[in-house]
Amino acid sequence: MKKFNRIYVEITNICNLKCEFCINDTRKKEFMDIKKFKVIISKIKDYTNLVMLHIKGEPLMHPKLEEILDVCFNNHILVNITTNATLLDEKIELLKKPKLVRQINLSMHSISQNNLPIIESTSRIVDAINNKIGK
């Protein structure tokens, strides 16, 4: 059976920023139901060992993120998350739990796109990363 390097799963199309590079669409804004996520993982787990939790929305906004990560862990699926980093310090304790998240990708482009203070935002992100790796 052919395996994909990764499969992208959009767990939400809701975001707390308005970046120019994100296409504005007319889809209903929503968080994926955990039951639906379990079905998706059951269907793709034989085709990949890695899911990317990002397409349009901000995955750290999902109210059931911990359950989503648990579903992946229980199905031996590694997780990469791409985030705009605005909620990183709020979610860092969850993200630093062993074995839940393989990689966190930070969209620094979202900082400049939304006129956020670059030095303050970058400093906050570095602090959160140091907290994640235990420095």
Protein backbone atom coordinates (compact mmCIF):
# COMPACT_ATOMS: atom_id res chain seq x y z
CA MET A 1 0.00 0.00 0.00
CA LYS A 2 1.37 3.39 -1.00
CA LYS A 3 1.92 5.82 1.86
CA PHE A 4 1.81 9.59 1.69
CA ASN A 5 4.47 11.61 3.51
CA ARG A 6 1.69 13.61 5.15
CA ILE A 7 -2.01 14.31 4.90
CA TYR A 8 -3.48 17.72 5.70
CA VAL A 9 -6.58 17.80 7.89
CA GLU A 10 -8.42 21.07 8.41
CA ILE A 11 -9.83 20.87 11.93
CA THR A 12 -11.15 24.42 11.69
CA ASN A 13 -11.54 27.17 9.15
CA ILE A 14 -11.85 29.77 11.92
CA CYS A 15 -8.94 32.12 12.52
CA ASN A 16 -8.31 34.98 14.93
CA LEU A 17 -6.39 37.00 12.30
CA LYS A 18 -7.13 38.36 8.84
CA CYS A 19 -4.04 37.74 6.72
CA GLU A 20 -3.97 38.84 3.09
CA PHE A 21 -2.51 35.51 1.99
CA CYS A 22 -5.57 33.58 3.21
CA ILE A 23 -8.32 33.39 0.66
CA ASN A 24 -11.63 34.65 1.99
CA ASP A 25 -14.27 32.05 1.24
CA THR A 26 -17.98 31.73 1.92
CA ARG A 27 -17.88 28.42 3.76
CA LYS A 28 -19.58 28.23 7.14
CA LYS A 29 -17.02 28.91 9.88
CA GLU A 30 -16.78 25.89 12.16
CA PHE A 31 -14.68 23.53 14.24
CA MET A 32 -14.55 19.91 13.12
CA ASP A 33 -16.57 17.63 15.35
CA ILE A 34 -14.41 15.11 17.25
CA LYS A 35 -16.55 12.24 15.96
CA LYS A 36 -15.88 13.30 12.36
CA PHE A 37 -12.18 13.66 13.13
CA LYS A 38 -12.07 10.09 14.48
CA VAL A 39 -13.67 8.83 11.26
CA ILE A 40 -11.14 10.72 9.14
CA ILE A 41 -8.20 9.35 11.14
CA SER A 42 -9.58 5.81 10.91
CA LYS A 43 -9.74 6.20 7.11
CA ILE A 44 -6.27 7.70 6.59
CA LYS A 45 -4.15 5.95 9.22
CA ASP A 46 -3.15 3.19 6.81
CA TYR A 47 -1.94 5.76 4.27
CA THR A 48 0.27 8.02 6.39
CA ASN A 49 2.07 8.35 9.71
CA LEU A 50 1.80 12.14 9.76
CA VAL A 51 -1.08 14.62 9.72
CA MET A 52 -0.73 18.34 9.30
CA LEU A 53 -3.38 20.17 11.31
CA HIS A 54 -3.64 23.24 9.17
CA ILE A 55 -5.15 24.43 5.95
CA LYS A 56 -7.15 27.62 6.51
CA GLY A 57 -7.94 28.12 10.19
CA GLU A 58 -5.93 28.49 13.38
CA PRO A 59 -5.74 24.96 14.88
CA LEU A 60 -4.88 26.23 18.37
CA MET A 61 -8.36 27.78 18.53
CA HIS A 62 -10.07 24.37 18.37
CA PRO A 63 -11.82 23.74 21.72
CA LYS A 64 -11.18 19.97 21.42
CA LEU A 65 -7.52 20.19 20.41
CA GLU A 66 -6.36 17.93 23.23
CA GLU A 67 -8.85 15.23 22.20
CA ILE A 68 -7.72 15.58 18.58
CA LEU A 69 -4.11 15.09 19.61
CA ASP A 70 -5.09 12.09 21.73
CA VAL A 71 -6.91 10.49 18.78
CA CYS A 72 -3.78 10.89 16.66
CA PHE A 73 -1.54 9.49 19.39
CA ASN A 74 -3.83 6.50 19.96
CA ASN A 75 -3.74 5.76 16.23
CA HIS A 76 0.06 6.11 15.99
CA ILE A 77 -0.21 9.25 13.87
CA LEU A 78 2.37 12.01 14.30
CA VAL A 79 1.12 15.60 14.29
CA ASN A 80 2.52 18.79 12.80
CA ILE A 81 0.70 22.02 13.61
CA THR A 82 1.04 25.28 11.71
CA THR A 83 -0.02 28.26 13.80
CA ASN A 84 0.02 32.04 13.66
CA ALA A 85 1.49 31.78 17.19
CA THR A 86 -0.97 34.22 18.79
CA LEU A 87 -2.22 31.48 21.14
CA LEU A 88 1.08 29.68 21.58
CA ASP A 89 1.77 30.77 25.14
CA GLU A 90 -1.83 29.91 26.11
CA LYS A 91 -1.57 26.39 24.62
CA ILE A 92 2.09 25.61 25.35
CA GLU A 93 1.38 23.26 28.26
CA LEU A 94 -0.79 21.09 26.01
CA LEU A 95 1.71 21.22 23.17
CA LYS A 96 4.65 20.23 25.35
CA LYS A 97 3.05 17.01 26.55
CA PRO A 98 5.28 14.15 25.45
CA LYS A 99 4.48 12.43 22.18
CA LEU A 100 1.49 14.57 21.19
CA VAL A 101 3.05 17.01 18.72
CA ARG A 102 5.98 16.19 16.43
CA GLN A 103 6.50 19.69 15.03
CA ILE A 104 5.12 23.20 15.43
CA ASN A 105 5.42 25.50 12.42
CA LEU A 106 5.12 29.22 13.13
CA SER A 107 3.71 31.56 10.52
CA MET A 108 5.77 34.67 11.13
CA HIS A 109 4.20 36.15 8.02
CA SER A 110 0.94 36.53 9.99
CA ILE A 111 2.64 38.97 12.39
CA SER A 112 3.52 41.48 9.68
CA GLN A 113 0.26 40.93 7.81
CA ASN A 114 -1.76 41.97 10.87
CA ASN A 115 0.41 44.87 12.02
CA LEU A 116 1.30 43.12 15.25
CA PRO A 117 4.34 44.50 17.10
CA ILE A 118 7.16 42.43 15.61
CA ILE A 119 9.66 42.61 18.49
CA GLU A 120 7.04 41.94 21.18
CA SER A 121 5.45 39.12 19.16
CA THR A 122 8.78 37.51 18.33
CA SER A 123 9.93 37.74 21.94
CA ARG A 124 6.71 36.11 23.13
CA ILE A 125 7.10 33.33 20.57
CA VAL A 126 10.73 32.69 21.58
CA ASP A 127 9.68 32.57 25.25
CA ALA A 128 6.96 30.02 24.41
CA ILE A 129 9.41 27.92 22.41
CA ASN A 130 11.94 27.99 25.26
CA ASN A 131 9.15 26.90 27.58
CA LYS A 132 8.30 24.03 25.17
CA ILE A 133 11.86 22.74 25.07
CA GLY A 134 12.48 23.34 28.75
CA LYS A 135 15.10 26.10 28.64
